[in-house]
C-alpha atoms as a PDB file:
ATOM      1  CA  MET A   1      17.733  13.860   6.739  1.00  0.00           C
ATOM      2  CA  THR A   2      16.512  11.570   3.976  1.00  0.00           C
ATOM      3  CA  GLU A   3      19.077   9.232   2.478  1.00  0.00           C
ATOM      4  CA  TYR A   4      18.999   8.350  -1.198  1.00  0.00           C
ATOM      5  CA  ILE A   5      20.419   5.507  -3.258  1.00  0.00           C
ATOM      6  CA  THR A   6      20.938   5.215  -6.985  1.00  0.00           C
ATOM      7  CA  ILE A   7      18.902   2.806  -9.093  1.00  0.00           C
ATOM      8  CA  SER A   8      19.707   2.140 -12.722  1.00  0.00           C
ATOM      9  CA  ALA A   9      17.657   0.627 -15.521  1.00  0.00           C
ATOM     10  CA  ARG A  10      18.555  -0.640 -18.950  1.00  0.00           C
ATOM     11  CA  ILE A  11      16.381   0.892 -21.685  1.00  0.00           C
ATOM     12  CA  LYS A  12      16.419   0.961 -25.484  1.00  0.00           C
ATOM     13  CA  LYS A  13      18.302   3.777 -27.223  1.00  0.00           C
ATOM     14  CA  ASP A  14      15.209   5.095 -29.002  1.00  0.00           C
ATOM     15  CA  LEU A  15      13.418   5.350 -25.654  1.00  0.00           C
ATOM     16  CA  LYS A  16      16.332   7.343 -24.212  1.00  0.00           C
ATOM     17  CA  LYS A  17      16.154   9.697 -27.203  1.00  0.00           C
ATOM     18  CA  LYS A  18      12.435  10.241 -26.641  1.00  0.00           C
ATOM     19  CA  ILE A  19      13.045  10.926 -22.942  1.00  0.00           C
ATOM     20  CA  ALA A  20      15.539  13.630 -23.930  1.00  0.00           C
ATOM     21  CA  LYS A  21      13.291  14.974 -26.695  1.00  0.00           C
ATOM     22  CA  TYR A  22      10.341  15.426 -24.353  1.00  0.00           C
ATOM     23  CA  ARG A  23      12.561  16.562 -21.472  1.00  0.00           C
ATOM     24  CA  ILE A  24      11.146  13.976 -19.114  1.00  0.00           C
ATOM     25  CA  ASN A  25      12.525  14.117 -15.598  1.00  0.00           C
ATOM     26  CA  ILE A  26      13.323  10.414 -15.384  1.00  0.00           C
ATOM     27  CA  SER A  27      14.296  10.545 -11.705  1.00  0.00           C
ATOM     28  CA  GLN A  28      10.972  12.063 -10.695  1.00  0.00           C
ATOM     29  CA  LEU A  29       9.091   9.722 -13.021  1.00  0.00           C
ATOM     30  CA  MET A  30      10.767   6.660 -11.489  1.00  0.00           C
ATOM     31  CA  ARG A  31      10.183   7.887  -7.924  1.00  0.00           C
ATOM     32  CA  ASN A  32       6.504   8.530  -8.668  1.00  0.00           C
ATOM     33  CA  ALA A  33       6.054   5.164 -10.400  1.00  0.00           C
ATOM     34  CA  ILE A  34       7.759   3.252  -7.590  1.00  0.00           C
ATOM     35  CA  GLU A  35       5.761   5.074  -4.900  1.00  0.00           C
ATOM     36  CA  ALA A  36       2.501   4.446  -6.788  1.00  0.00           C
ATOM     37  CA  GLU A  37       3.276   0.730  -7.169  1.00  0.00           C
ATOM     38  CA  ILE A  38       4.150   0.377  -3.482  1.00  0.00           C
ATOM     39  CA  GLU A  39       0.935   2.182  -2.523  1.00  0.00           C
ATOM     40  CA  ARG A  40      -1.081  -0.114  -4.810  1.00  0.00           C
ATOM     41  CA  ILE A  41       0.486  -3.234  -3.275  1.00  0.00           C
ATOM     42  CA  GLU A  42      -0.001  -1.998   0.301  1.00  0.00           C
ATOM     43  CA  GLU A  43      -3.658  -1.163  -0.386  1.00  0.00           C
ATOM     44  CA  SER A  44      -4.166  -4.626  -1.856  1.00  0.00           C
ATOM     45  CA  GLU A  45      -2.610  -6.257   1.220  1.00  0.00           C
ATOM     46  CA  LEU A  46      -4.798  -4.114   3.490  1.00  0.00           C
ATOM     47  CA  ARG A  47      -7.937  -5.109   1.569  1.00  0.00           C
ATOM     48  CA  LYS A  48      -7.014  -8.808   1.955  1.00  0.00           C
ATOM     49  CA  SER A  49      -6.404  -8.327   5.667  1.00  0.00           C
ATOM     50  CA  LEU A  50      -9.720  -6.516   6.119  1.00  0.00           C
ATOM     51  CA  ARG A  51     -11.536  -9.274   4.233  1.00  0.00           C
ATOM     52  CA  LYS A  52     -10.027 -11.909   6.542  1.00  0.00           C
ATOM     53  CA  THR A  53     -10.894  -9.833   9.612  1.00  0.00           C
ATOM     54  CA  GLY A  54     -14.460  -9.411   8.345  1.00  0.00           C
ATOM     55  CA  GLN A  55     -14.777 -13.160   7.888  1.00  0.00           C
ATOM     56  CA  ILE A  56     -13.618 -13.727  11.452  1.00  0.00           C
ATOM     57  CA  PHE A  57     -16.058 -11.149  12.862  1.00  0.00           C
ATOM     58  CA  ALA A  58     -18.887 -12.586  10.765  1.00  0.00           C
ATOM     59  CA  LYS A  59     -18.531 -15.838  12.707  1.00  0.00           C
ATOM     60  CA  ILE A  60     -19.132 -14.064  16.043  1.00  0.00           C
ATOM     61  CA  ASP A  61     -22.755 -13.250  16.788  1.00  0.00           C
ATOM     62  CA  MET A  62     -23.797  -9.802  18.025  1.00  0.00           C
ATOM     63  CA  GLU A  63     -25.022 -11.132  21.367  1.00  0.00           C
ATOM     64  CA  THR A  64     -21.549 -12.477  22.184  1.00  0.00           C
ATOM     65  CA  ILE A  65     -19.953  -9.164  21.257  1.00  0.00           C
ATOM     66  CA  THR A  66     -22.494  -7.220  23.336  1.00  0.00           C
ATOM     67  CA  ASN A  67     -21.917  -9.471  26.337  1.00  0.00           C
ATOM     68  CA  LEU A  68     -18.146  -9.139  26.078  1.00  0.00           C
ATOM     69  CA  ILE A  69     -18.393  -5.339  25.927  1.00  0.00           C
ATOM     70  CA  ARG A  70     -20.731  -5.226  28.941  1.00  0.00           C
ATOM     71  CA  GLU A  71     -18.461  -7.572  30.884  1.00  0.00           C
ATOM     72  CA  ASP A  72     -15.440  -5.426  30.079  1.00  0.00           C
ATOM     73  CA  ARG A  73     -17.222  -2.236  31.184  1.00  0.00           C
ATOM     74  CA  GLU A  74     -18.316  -3.818  34.443  1.00  0.00           C
ATOM     75  CA  ASN A  75     -14.748  -4.876  35.236  1.00  0.00           C
ATOM     76  CA  ARG A  76     -13.402  -1.316  34.972  1.00  0.00           C
END
């Protein structure tokens, strides 16, 4: 079962009135915004990690990789 916690935010009165006027589901809006921000950050971290990995692999020549794969297959 999923556990929930309560998060509060301080907003201006006129903003609160507009939220009520437009019947915005603030809980759903906050959940969606938080999830989207987390996803954006995680994707950014993954891109950085992939870039670093690519730089490491770029330093290894294809002949070395091919030889390592052949050696591994022969040892099985």
